[in-house]
Amino acid sequence: MLAAIAIALPPSSHFIYIPVISLLGIVLGFMLGAKATKDAIAFEARKAAEREARRAERAAKRASPES
């Protein structure tokens, strides 16, 4: 005898749960990505400022008369 396998539809809450979780993932990903981008931009700006300070320091050493 062959047993018939019944394929049941998912409950109606499933049609609400999956889109909500997907939307939550998109929103959280956007927020975390924006924060990471701001941090990276700030880091690059700080590196550029430090690089410019070192460059100015070297230029000042070259311009000063050595005793």
C-alpha atoms as a PDB file:
ATOM      1  CA  MET A   1       0.000   0.000   0.000  1.00  0.00           C
ATOM      2  CA  LEU A   2       1.227   3.454  -0.845  1.00  0.00           C
ATOM      3  CA  ALA A   3       0.843   6.096   1.767  1.00  0.00           C
ATOM      4  CA  ALA A   4      -0.314   9.426   0.465  1.00  0.00           C
ATOM      5  CA  ILE A   5       1.832  12.296   1.637  1.00  0.00           C
ATOM      6  CA  ALA A   6      -0.198  15.359   2.322  1.00  0.00           C
ATOM      7  CA  ILE A   7       1.547  18.637   1.572  1.00  0.00           C
ATOM      8  CA  ALA A   8       0.089  21.221   3.873  1.00  0.00           C
ATOM      9  CA  LEU A   9       0.203  24.924   3.266  1.00  0.00           C
ATOM     10  CA  PRO A  10       2.170  26.938   5.797  1.00  0.00           C
ATOM     11  CA  PRO A  11       0.121  28.782   8.385  1.00  0.00           C
ATOM     12  CA  SER A  12      -1.018  32.311   7.588  1.00  0.00           C
ATOM     13  CA  SER A  13       1.409  33.728  10.174  1.00  0.00           C
ATOM     14  CA  HIS A  14       4.191  32.479   7.898  1.00  0.00           C
ATOM     15  CA  PHE A  15       3.185  34.998   5.233  1.00  0.00           C
ATOM     16  CA  ILE A  16       3.647  37.814   7.764  1.00  0.00           C
ATOM     17  CA  TYR A  17       6.736  36.492   9.567  1.00  0.00           C
ATOM     18  CA  ILE A  18       9.003  35.968   6.547  1.00  0.00           C
ATOM     19  CA  PRO A  19       8.573  39.457   4.983  1.00  0.00           C
ATOM     20  CA  VAL A  20       8.946  41.134   8.385  1.00  0.00           C
ATOM     21  CA  ILE A  21      12.179  39.294   9.110  1.00  0.00           C
ATOM     22  CA  SER A  22      13.487  40.063   5.610  1.00  0.00           C
ATOM     23  CA  LEU A  23      12.669  43.750   6.016  1.00  0.00           C
ATOM     24  CA  LEU A  24      14.312  43.778   9.452  1.00  0.00           C
ATOM     25  CA  GLY A  25      17.466  42.279   7.953  1.00  0.00           C
ATOM     26  CA  ILE A  26      17.551  44.900   5.205  1.00  0.00           C
ATOM     27  CA  VAL A  27      17.074  47.767   7.672  1.00  0.00           C
ATOM     28  CA  LEU A  28      19.702  46.472  10.103  1.00  0.00           C
ATOM     29  CA  GLY A  29      22.144  45.842   7.263  1.00  0.00           C
ATOM     30  CA  PHE A  30      21.641  49.379   5.972  1.00  0.00           C
ATOM     31  CA  MET A  31      22.168  50.890   9.428  1.00  0.00           C
ATOM     32  CA  LEU A  32      25.286  48.854  10.188  1.00  0.00           C
ATOM     33  CA  GLY A  33      26.689  49.496   6.711  1.00  0.00           C
ATOM     34  CA  ALA A  34      26.154  53.253   7.081  1.00  0.00           C
ATOM     35  CA  LYS A  35      27.928  53.222  10.453  1.00  0.00           C
ATOM     36  CA  ALA A  36      30.853  51.242   9.046  1.00  0.00           C
ATOM     37  CA  THR A  37      31.124  53.670   6.129  1.00  0.00           C
ATOM     38  CA  LYS A  38      31.155  56.699   8.445  1.00  0.00           C
ATOM     39  CA  ASP A  39      33.829  55.054  10.587  1.00  0.00           C
ATOM     40  CA  ALA A  40      35.952  54.275   7.526  1.00  0.00           C
ATOM     41  CA  ILE A  41      35.666  57.857   6.250  1.00  0.00           C
ATOM     42  CA  ALA A  42      36.646  59.249   9.665  1.00  0.00           C
ATOM     43  CA  PHE A  43      39.602  56.853   9.841  1.00  0.00           C
ATOM     44  CA  GLU A  44      40.830  57.902   6.386  1.00  0.00           C
ATOM     45  CA  ALA A  45      40.464  61.589   7.300  1.00  0.00           C
ATOM     46  CA  ARG A  46      42.465  61.050  10.505  1.00  0.00           C
ATOM     47  CA  LYS A  47      45.173  59.207   8.576  1.00  0.00           C
ATOM     48  CA  ALA A  48      45.348  62.023   6.021  1.00  0.00           C
ATOM     49  CA  ALA A  49      45.644  64.640   8.775  1.00  0.00           C
ATOM     50  CA  GLU A  50      48.434  62.689  10.488  1.00  0.00           C
ATOM     51  CA  ARG A  51      50.217  62.245   7.160  1.00  0.00           C
ATOM     52  CA  GLU A  52      49.965  65.981   6.457  1.00  0.00           C
ATOM     53  CA  ALA A  53      51.281  66.780   9.966  1.00  0.00           C
ATOM     54  CA  ARG A  54      54.310  64.517   9.409  1.00  0.00           C
ATOM     55  CA  ARG A  55      54.905  66.088   6.003  1.00  0.00           C
ATOM     56  CA  ALA A  56      54.768  69.614   7.535  1.00  0.00           C
ATOM     57  CA  GLU A  57      57.124  68.534  10.314  1.00  0.00           C
ATOM     58  CA  ARG A  58      59.643  67.219   7.792  1.00  0.00           C
ATOM     59  CA  ALA A  59      59.362  70.407   5.737  1.00  0.00           C
ATOM     60  CA  ALA A  60      59.943  72.528   8.871  1.00  0.00           C
ATOM     61  CA  LYS A  61      63.038  70.486   9.754  1.00  0.00           C
ATOM     62  CA  ARG A  62      64.450  70.994   6.255  1.00  0.00           C
ATOM     63  CA  ALA A  63      63.761  74.739   6.306  1.00  0.00           C
ATOM     64  CA  SER A  64      65.257  75.389   9.737  1.00  0.00           C
ATOM     65  CA  PRO A  65      68.971  76.207   9.843  1.00  0.00           C
ATOM     66  CA  GLU A  66      70.861  73.374  11.430  1.00  0.00           C
ATOM     67  CA  SER A  67      73.352  74.400  14.102  1.00  0.00           C
END
